Amino acid sequence: MKFKAEIDVMPLDALLDPQGKAVTNGMKSIGLPEITGVRVGRHIRLFIDASSMEEAEAKVEEACKKLLANQIMESYTFVLSAE
C-alpha cells in the first residue's frame, strides 16, 4: 500500500525563532500589528510504501527522529493517510 505523510517541523517554543520574529516585525510594517507571535517552521510531504498504516507510521517516526527534525531544537507532528 502507498501512504502519504504531511509533516510539520517547528522550533521548540522555549527557543528563539529569528525568522518568526522578522515576520512578526514585518506584519507591523505592512499594517497588520494585530498579528503577533509568528513561528516559522517547515512542511514536508512524503510517500511511503508499507504493508500497513502502523508500519508506515513507524517509518515516518524513524525518518523524523533520524533526519527530518533536530529534536534538540525542533518538534514535529504528522498526519498519515492512505493514497
PDB file of N, CA and C in Angstrom:
ATOM      1  N   MET A   1       0.832  -1.177   0.000  1.00  0.00           N
ATOM      2  CA  MET A   1       0.000   0.000   0.000  1.00  0.00           C
ATOM      3  C   MET A   1       0.877   1.242   0.000  1.00  0.00           C
ATOM      4  N   LYS A   2       0.298   2.314  -0.494  1.00  0.00           N
ATOM      5  CA  LYS A   2       1.006   3.588  -0.523  1.00  0.00           C
ATOM      6  C   LYS A   2       0.328   4.552   0.454  1.00  0.00           C
ATOM      7  N   PHE A   3       1.156   5.253   1.224  1.00  0.00           N
ATOM      8  CA  PHE A   3       0.676   6.221   2.205  1.00  0.00           C
ATOM      9  C   PHE A   3       1.325   7.565   1.957  1.00  0.00           C
ATOM     10  N   LYS A   4       0.621   8.617   2.371  1.00  0.00           N
ATOM     11  CA  LYS A   4       1.162   9.970   2.277  1.00  0.00           C
ATOM     12  C   LYS A   4       1.282  10.529   3.687  1.00  0.00           C
ATOM     13  N   ALA A   5       2.438  11.122   3.985  1.00  0.00           N
ATOM     14  CA  ALA A   5       2.646  11.775   5.277  1.00  0.00           C
ATOM     15  C   ALA A   5       2.816  13.264   5.043  1.00  0.00           C
ATOM     16  N   GLU A   6       2.107  14.051   5.840  1.00  0.00           N
ATOM     17  CA  GLU A   6       2.246  15.507   5.858  1.00  0.00           C
ATOM     18  C   GLU A   6       2.878  15.834   7.212  1.00  0.00           C
ATOM     19  N   ILE A   7       4.118  16.312   7.195  1.00  0.00           N
ATOM     20  CA  ILE A   7       4.900  16.512   8.410  1.00  0.00           C
ATOM     21  C   ILE A   7       5.150  17.996   8.620  1.00  0.00           C
ATOM     22  N   ASP A   8       4.926  18.461   9.845  1.00  0.00           N
ATOM     23  CA  ASP A   8       5.253  19.835  10.216  1.00  0.00           C
ATOM     24  C   ASP A   8       6.360  19.801  11.256  1.00  0.00           C
ATOM     25  N   VAL A   9       7.441  20.532  10.986  1.00  0.00           N
ATOM     26  CA  VAL A   9       8.571  20.638  11.897  1.00  0.00           C
ATOM     27  C   VAL A   9       8.643  22.094  12.345  1.00  0.00           C
ATOM     28  N   MET A  10       8.632  22.290  13.670  1.00  0.00           N
ATOM     29  CA  MET A  10       8.620  23.649  14.232  1.00  0.00           C
ATOM     30  C   MET A  10       9.707  23.795  15.279  1.00  0.00           C
ATOM     31  N   PRO A  11      10.248  25.015  15.427  1.00  0.00           N
ATOM     32  CA  PRO A  11      11.194  25.232  16.518  1.00  0.00           C
ATOM     33  C   PRO A  11      10.471  25.087  17.864  1.00  0.00           C
ATOM     34  N   LEU A  12      11.178  24.562  18.851  1.00  0.00           N
ATOM     35  CA  LEU A  12      10.587  24.425  20.178  1.00  0.00           C
ATOM     36  C   LEU A  12      10.175  25.798  20.712  1.00  0.00           C
ATOM     37  N   ASP A  13       9.079  25.837  21.458  1.00  0.00           N
ATOM     38  CA  ASP A  13       8.564  27.099  21.992  1.00  0.00           C
ATOM     39  C   ASP A  13       9.577  27.804  22.891  1.00  0.00           C
ATOM     40  N   ALA A  14      10.402  27.043  23.578  1.00  0.00           N
ATOM     41  CA  ALA A  14      11.368  27.630  24.513  1.00  0.00           C
ATOM     42  C   ALA A  14      12.541  28.315  23.803  1.00  0.00           C
ATOM     43  N   LEU A  15      12.694  28.087  22.502  1.00  0.00           N
ATOM     44  CA  LEU A  15      13.824  28.642  21.763  1.00  0.00           C
ATOM     45  C   LEU A  15      13.429  29.879  20.969  1.00  0.00           C
ATOM     46  N   LEU A  16      14.383  30.740  20.756  1.00  0.00           N
ATOM     47  CA  LEU A  16      14.163  31.904  19.911  1.00  0.00           C
ATOM     48  C   LEU A  16      13.933  31.456  18.481  1.00  0.00           C
ATOM     49  N   ASP A  17      13.126  32.224  17.756  1.00  0.00           N
ATOM     50  CA  ASP A  17      12.851  31.955  16.344  1.00  0.00           C
ATOM     51  C   ASP A  17      13.101  33.247  15.569  1.00  0.00           C
ATOM     52  N   PRO A  18      14.350  33.462  15.102  1.00  0.00           N
ATOM     53  CA  PRO A  18      14.671  34.705  14.412  1.00  0.00           C
ATOM     54  C   PRO A  18      13.805  34.958  13.175  1.00  0.00           C
ATOM     55  N   GLN A  19      13.494  33.900  12.421  1.00  0.00           N
ATOM     56  CA  GLN A  19      12.643  34.076  11.241  1.00  0.00           C
ATOM     57  C   GLN A  19      11.242  34.520  11.654  1.00  0.00           C
ATOM     58  N   GLY A  20      10.714  33.883  12.679  1.00  0.00           N
ATOM     59  CA  GLY A  20       9.387  34.253  13.163  1.00  0.00           C
ATOM     60  C   GLY A  20       9.347  35.686  13.661  1.00  0.00           C
ATOM     61  N   LYS A  21      10.416  36.098  14.354  1.00  0.00           N
ATOM     62  CA  LYS A  21      10.491  37.469  14.852  1.00  0.00           C
ATOM     63  C   LYS A  21      10.529  38.459  13.691  1.00  0.00           C
ATOM     64  N   ALA A  22      11.290  38.138  12.648  1.00  0.00           N
ATOM     65  CA  ALA A  22      11.366  39.011  11.473  1.00  0.00           C
ATOM     66  C   ALA A  22      10.001  39.120  10.791  1.00  0.00           C
ATOM     67  N   VAL A  23       9.290  38.008  10.681  1.00  0.00           N
ATOM     68  CA  VAL A  23       7.960  38.036  10.065  1.00  0.00           C
ATOM     69  C   VAL A  23       6.993  38.836  10.940  1.00  0.00           C
ATOM     70  N   THR A  24       7.062  38.646  12.256  1.00  0.00           N
ATOM     71  CA  THR A  24       6.214  39.410  13.166  1.00  0.00           C
ATOM     72  C   THR A  24       6.456  40.904  12.987  1.00  0.00           C
ATOM     73  N   ASN A  25       7.727  41.313  12.932  1.00  0.00           N
ATOM     74  CA  ASN A  25       8.061  42.724  12.716  1.00  0.00           C
ATOM     75  C   ASN A  25       7.575  43.202  11.349  1.00  0.00           C
ATOM     76  N   GLY A  26       7.662  42.334  10.350  1.00  0.00           N
ATOM     77  CA  GLY A  26       7.176  42.674   9.016  1.00  0.00           C
ATOM     78  C   GLY A  26       5.674  42.917   8.996  1.00  0.00           C
ATOM     79  N   MET A  27       4.938  42.192   9.821  1.00  0.00           N
ATOM     80  CA  MET A  27       3.482  42.383   9.894  1.00  0.00           C
ATOM     81  C   MET A  27       3.155  43.810  10.315  1.00  0.00           C
ATOM     82  N   LYS A  28       3.916  44.334  11.267  1.00  0.00           N
ATOM     83  CA  LYS A  28       3.697  45.713  11.720  1.00  0.00           C
ATOM     84  C   LYS A  28       3.937  46.690  10.573  1.00  0.00           C
ATOM     85  N   SER A  29       4.987  46.430   9.801  1.00  0.00           N
ATOM     86  CA  SER A  29       5.338  47.370   8.732  1.00  0.00           C
ATOM     87  C   SER A  29       4.355  47.328   7.556  1.00  0.00           C
ATOM     88  N   ILE A  30       3.558  46.278   7.447  1.00  0.00           N
ATOM     89  CA  ILE A  30       2.552  46.237   6.371  1.00  0.00           C
ATOM     90  C   ILE A  30       1.147  46.531   6.899  1.00  0.00           C
ATOM     91  N   GLY A  31       1.096  47.050   8.124  1.00  0.00           N
ATOM     92  CA  GLY A  31      -0.192  47.472   8.662  1.00  0.00           C
ATOM     93  C   GLY A  31      -1.002  46.390   9.344  1.00  0.00           C
ATOM     94  N   LEU A  32      -0.333  45.327   9.797  1.00  0.00           N
ATOM     95  CA  LEU A  32      -1.037  44.249  10.495  1.00  0.00           C
ATOM     96  C   LEU A  32      -0.431  44.016  11.881  1.00  0.00           C
ATOM     97  N   PRO A  33      -0.448  45.036  12.734  1.00  0.00           N
ATOM     98  CA  PRO A  33       0.186  44.900  14.047  1.00  0.00           C
ATOM     99  C   PRO A  33      -0.530  43.914  14.973  1.00  0.00           C
ATOM    100  N   GLU A  34      -1.763  43.543  14.649  1.00  0.00           N
ATOM    101  CA  GLU A  34      -2.500  42.600  15.482  1.00  0.00           C
ATOM    102  C   GLU A  34      -2.010  41.163  15.306  1.00  0.00           C
ATOM    103  N   ILE A  35      -1.192  40.907  14.276  1.00  0.00           N
ATOM    104  CA  ILE A  35      -0.608  39.572  14.084  1.00  0.00           C
ATOM    105  C   ILE A  35       0.716  39.540  14.834  1.00  0.00           C
ATOM    106  N   THR A  36       0.792  38.653  15.837  1.00  0.00           N
ATOM    107  CA  THR A  36       1.984  38.557  16.675  1.00  0.00           C
ATOM    108  C   THR A  36       2.355  37.095  16.903  1.00  0.00           C
ATOM    109  N   GLY A  37       3.514  36.884  17.476  1.00  0.00           N
ATOM    110  CA  GLY A  37       3.916  35.535  17.881  1.00  0.00           C
ATOM    111  C   GLY A  37       4.118  34.566  16.737  1.00  0.00           C
ATOM    112  N   VAL A  38       4.575  35.048  15.604  1.00  0.00           N
ATOM    113  CA  VAL A  38       4.774  34.182  14.436  1.00  0.00           C
ATOM    114  C   VAL A  38       5.939  33.228  14.703  1.00  0.00           C
ATOM    115  N   ARG A  39       5.757  31.956  14.380  1.00  0.00           N
ATOM    116  CA  ARG A  39       6.814  30.944  14.432  1.00  0.00           C
ATOM    117  C   ARG A  39       6.920  30.366  13.022  1.00  0.00           C
ATOM    118  N   VAL A  40       8.129  30.222  12.518  1.00  0.00           N
ATOM    119  CA  VAL A  40       8.347  29.720  11.164  1.00  0.00           C
ATOM    120  C   VAL A  40       8.973  28.330  11.244  1.00  0.00           C
ATOM    121  N   GLY A  41       8.382  27.389  10.538  1.00  0.00           N
ATOM    122  CA  GLY A  41       8.882  26.017  10.505  1.00  0.00           C
ATOM    123  C   GLY A  41       8.929  25.502   9.080  1.00  0.00           C
ATOM    124  N   ARG A  42       8.870  24.185   8.960  1.00  0.00           N
ATOM    125  CA  ARG A  42       8.918  23.537   7.644  1.00  0.00           C
ATOM    126  C   ARG A  42       7.745  22.566   7.509  1.00  0.00           C
ATOM    127  N   HIS A  43       7.272  22.430   6.288  1.00  0.00           N
ATOM    128  CA  HIS A  43       6.251  21.430   5.974  1.00  0.00           C
ATOM    129  C   HIS A  43       6.863  20.464   4.974  1.00  0.00           C
ATOM    130  N   ILE A  44       6.769  19.178   5.269  1.00  0.00           N
ATOM    131  CA  ILE A  44       7.362  18.141   4.419  1.00  0.00           C
ATOM    132  C   ILE A  44       6.273  17.154   4.037  1.00  0.00           C
ATOM    133  N   ARG A  45       6.193  16.817   2.764  1.00  0.00           N
ATOM    134  CA  ARG A  45       5.265  15.794   2.286  1.00  0.00           C
ATOM    135  C   ARG A  45       6.104  14.657   1.715  1.00  0.00           C
ATOM    136  N   LEU A  46       5.766  13.444   2.098  1.00  0.00           N
ATOM    137  CA  LEU A  46       6.477  12.292   1.524  1.00  0.00           C
ATOM    138  C   LEU A  46       5.522  11.124   1.378  1.00  0.00           C
ATOM    139  N   PHE A  47       5.925  10.173   0.559  1.00  0.00           N
ATOM    140  CA  PHE A  47       5.119   8.987   0.293  1.00  0.00           C
ATOM    141  C   PHE A  47       5.878   7.758   0.764  1.00  0.00           C
ATOM    142  N   ILE A  48       5.138   6.794   1.320  1.00  0.00           N
ATOM    143  CA  ILE A  48       5.735   5.602   1.891  1.00  0.00           C
ATOM    144  C   ILE A  48       5.037   4.381   1.330  1.00  0.00           C
ATOM    145  N   ASP A  49       5.820   3.393   0.928  1.00  0.00           N
ATOM    146  CA  ASP A  49       5.280   2.085   0.586  1.00  0.00           C
ATOM    147  C   ASP A  49       5.396   1.219   1.833  1.00  0.00           C
ATOM    148  N   ALA A  50       4.267   0.725   2.322  1.00  0.00           N
ATOM    149  CA  ALA A  50       4.254  -0.094   3.530  1.00  0.00           C
ATOM    150  C   ALA A  50       3.062  -1.043   3.470  1.00  0.00           C
ATOM    151  N   SER A  51       3.145  -2.110   4.247  1.00  0.00           N
ATOM    152  CA  SER A  51       2.071  -3.101   4.217  1.00  0.00           C
ATOM    153  C   SER A  51       0.890  -2.729   5.111  1.00  0.00           C
ATOM    154  N   SER A  52       1.094  -1.759   6.026  1.00  0.00           N
ATOM    155  CA  SER A  52       0.005  -1.352   6.913  1.00  0.00           C
ATOM    156  C   SER A  52       0.211   0.091   7.360  1.00  0.00           C
ATOM    157  N   MET A  53      -0.843   0.675   7.907  1.00  0.00           N
ATOM    158  CA  MET A  53      -0.777   2.024   8.447  1.00  0.00           C
ATOM    159  C   MET A  53       0.245   2.086   9.590  1.00  0.00           C
ATOM    160  N   GLU A  54       0.272   1.048  10.434  1.00  0.00           N
ATOM    161  CA  GLU A  54       1.203   1.010  11.561  1.00  0.00           C
ATOM    162  C   GLU A  54       2.652   0.995  11.089  1.00  0.00           C
ATOM    163  N   GLU A  55       2.936   0.212  10.047  1.00  0.00           N
ATOM    164  CA  GLU A  55       4.296   0.160   9.504  1.00  0.00           C
ATOM    165  C   GLU A  55       4.675   1.513   8.900  1.00  0.00           C
ATOM    166  N   ALA A  56       3.753   2.133   8.184  1.00  0.00           N
ATOM    167  CA  ALA A  56       4.027   3.445   7.587  1.00  0.00           C
ATOM    168  C   ALA A  56       4.286   4.474   8.683  1.00  0.00           C
ATOM    169  N   GLU A  57       3.492   4.437   9.747  1.00  0.00           N
ATOM    170  CA  GLU A  57       3.678   5.370  10.862  1.00  0.00           C
ATOM    171  C   GLU A  57       5.058   5.186  11.500  1.00  0.00           C
ATOM    172  N   ALA A  58       5.472   3.958  11.670  1.00  0.00           N
ATOM    173  CA  ALA A  58       6.788   3.677  12.255  1.00  0.00           C
ATOM    174  C   ALA A  58       7.905   4.222  11.360  1.00  0.00           C
ATOM    175  N   LYS A  59       7.734   4.090  10.043  1.00  0.00           N
ATOM    176  CA  LYS A  59       8.753   4.594   9.117  1.00  0.00           C
ATOM    177  C   LYS A  59       8.829   6.119   9.152  1.00  0.00           C
ATOM    178  N   VAL A  60       7.679   6.786   9.250  1.00  0.00           N
ATOM    179  CA  VAL A  60       7.673   8.244   9.327  1.00  0.00           C
ATOM    180  C   VAL A  60       8.322   8.698  10.632  1.00  0.00           C
ATOM    181  N   GLU A  61       7.982   8.047  11.743  1.00  0.00           N
ATOM    182  CA  GLU A  61       8.611   8.369  13.035  1.00  0.00           C
ATOM    183  C   GLU A  61      10.126   8.258  12.936  1.00  0.00           C
ATOM    184  N   GLU A  62      10.597   7.175  12.349  1.00  0.00           N
ATOM    185  CA  GLU A  62      12.040   6.966  12.210  1.00  0.00           C
ATOM    186  C   GLU A  62      12.678   8.055  11.356  1.00  0.00           C
ATOM    187  N   ALA A  63      12.030   8.394  10.239  1.00  0.00           N
ATOM    188  CA  ALA A  63      12.565   9.446   9.360  1.00  0.00           C
ATOM    189  C   ALA A  63      12.637  10.782  10.093  1.00  0.00           C
ATOM    190  N   CYS A  64      11.605  11.090  10.860  1.00  0.00           N
ATOM    191  CA  CYS A  64      11.585  12.352  11.607  1.00  0.00           C
ATOM    192  C   CYS A  64      12.681  12.386  12.662  1.00  0.00           C
ATOM    193  N   LYS A  65      12.806  11.312  13.414  1.00  0.00           N
ATOM    194  CA  LYS A  65      13.780  11.260  14.502  1.00  0.00           C
ATOM    195  C   LYS A  65      15.219  11.232  14.005  1.00  0.00           C
ATOM    196  N   LYS A  66      15.457  10.549  12.885  1.00  0.00           N
ATOM    197  CA  LYS A  66      16.833  10.377  12.409  1.00  0.00           C
ATOM    198  C   LYS A  66      17.299  11.441  11.426  1.00  0.00           C
ATOM    199  N   LEU A  67      16.358  12.123  10.733  1.00  0.00           N
ATOM    200  CA  LEU A  67      16.793  13.024   9.667  1.00  0.00           C
ATOM    201  C   LEU A  67      16.010  14.331   9.575  1.00  0.00           C
ATOM    202  N   LEU A  68      14.711  14.276   9.654  1.00  0.00           N
ATOM    203  CA  LEU A  68      13.896  15.445   9.314  1.00  0.00           C
ATOM    204  C   LEU A  68      13.805  16.499  10.405  1.00  0.00           C
ATOM    205  N   ALA A  69      13.923  16.098  11.668  1.00  0.00           N
ATOM    206  CA  ALA A  69      13.799  17.056  12.772  1.00  0.00           C
ATOM    207  C   ALA A  69      14.982  16.906  13.724  1.00  0.00           C
ATOM    208  N   ASN A  70      15.513  18.028  14.142  1.00  0.00           N
ATOM    209  CA  ASN A  70      16.542  18.051  15.178  1.00  0.00           C
ATOM    210  C   ASN A  70      15.806  18.155  16.506  1.00  0.00           C
ATOM    211  N   GLN A  71      15.666  17.046  17.207  1.00  0.00           N
ATOM    212  CA  GLN A  71      14.812  17.004  18.393  1.00  0.00           C
ATOM    213  C   GLN A  71      15.334  17.854  19.553  1.00  0.00           C
ATOM    214  N   ILE A  72      16.562  18.306  19.482  1.00  0.00           N
ATOM    215  CA  ILE A  72      17.089  19.209  20.497  1.00  0.00           C
ATOM    216  C   ILE A  72      16.463  20.592  20.332  1.00  0.00           C
ATOM    217  N   MET A  73      16.179  20.975  19.088  1.00  0.00           N
ATOM    218  CA  MET A  73      15.692  22.319  18.791  1.00  0.00           C
ATOM    219  C   MET A  73      14.296  22.361  18.181  1.00  0.00           C
ATOM    220  N   GLU A  74      13.782  21.219  17.739  1.00  0.00           N
ATOM    221  CA  GLU A  74      12.530  21.204  16.981  1.00  0.00           C
ATOM    222  C   GLU A  74      11.588  20.113  17.479  1.00  0.00           C
ATOM    223  N   SER A  75      10.310  20.339  17.238  1.00  0.00           N
ATOM    224  CA  SER A  75       9.295  19.309  17.456  1.00  0.00           C
ATOM    225  C   SER A  75       8.659  19.006  16.098  1.00  0.00           C
ATOM    226  N   TYR A  76       7.979  17.888  16.027  1.00  0.00           N
ATOM    227  CA  TYR A  76       7.310  17.547  14.762  1.00  0.00           C
ATOM    228  C   TYR A  76       5.970  16.884  15.051  1.00  0.00           C
ATOM    229  N   THR A  77       5.077  17.047  14.094  1.00  0.00           N
ATOM    230  CA  THR A  77       3.802  16.330  14.091  1.00  0.00           C
ATOM    231  C   THR A  77       3.573  15.872  12.664  1.00  0.00           C
ATOM    232  N   PHE A  78       2.770  14.829  12.504  1.00  0.00           N
ATOM    233  CA  PHE A  78       2.458  14.398  11.153  1.00  0.00           C
ATOM    234  C   PHE A  78       1.074  13.784  11.083  1.00  0.00           C
ATOM    235  N   VAL A  79       0.536  13.821   9.878  1.00  0.00           N
ATOM    236  CA  VAL A  79      -0.738  13.199   9.562  1.00  0.00           C
ATOM    237  C   VAL A  79      -0.460  12.206   8.443  1.00  0.00           C
ATOM    238  N   LEU A  80      -0.924  10.994   8.623  1.00  0.00           N
ATOM    239  CA  LEU A  80      -0.685   9.927   7.659  1.00  0.00           C
ATOM    240  C   LEU A  80      -2.007   9.529   7.035  1.00  0.00           C
ATOM    241  N   SER A  81      -2.018   9.361   5.721  1.00  0.00           N
ATOM    242  CA  SER A  81      -3.239   8.925   5.042  1.00  0.00           C
ATOM    243  C   SER A  81      -2.907   7.927   3.958  1.00  0.00           C
ATOM    244  N   ALA A  82      -3.856   7.042   3.661  1.00  0.00           N
ATOM    245  CA  ALA A  82      -3.689   6.088   2.577  1.00  0.00           C
ATOM    246  C   ALA A  82      -3.894   6.790   1.254  1.00  0.00           C
ATOM    247  N   GLU A  83      -3.120   6.426   0.287  1.00  0.00           N
ATOM    248  CA  GLU A  83      -3.225   7.027  -1.052  1.00  0.00           C
ATOM    249  C   GLU A  83      -4.055   6.154  -1.951  1.00  0.00           C
TER     250      GLU A  83
END
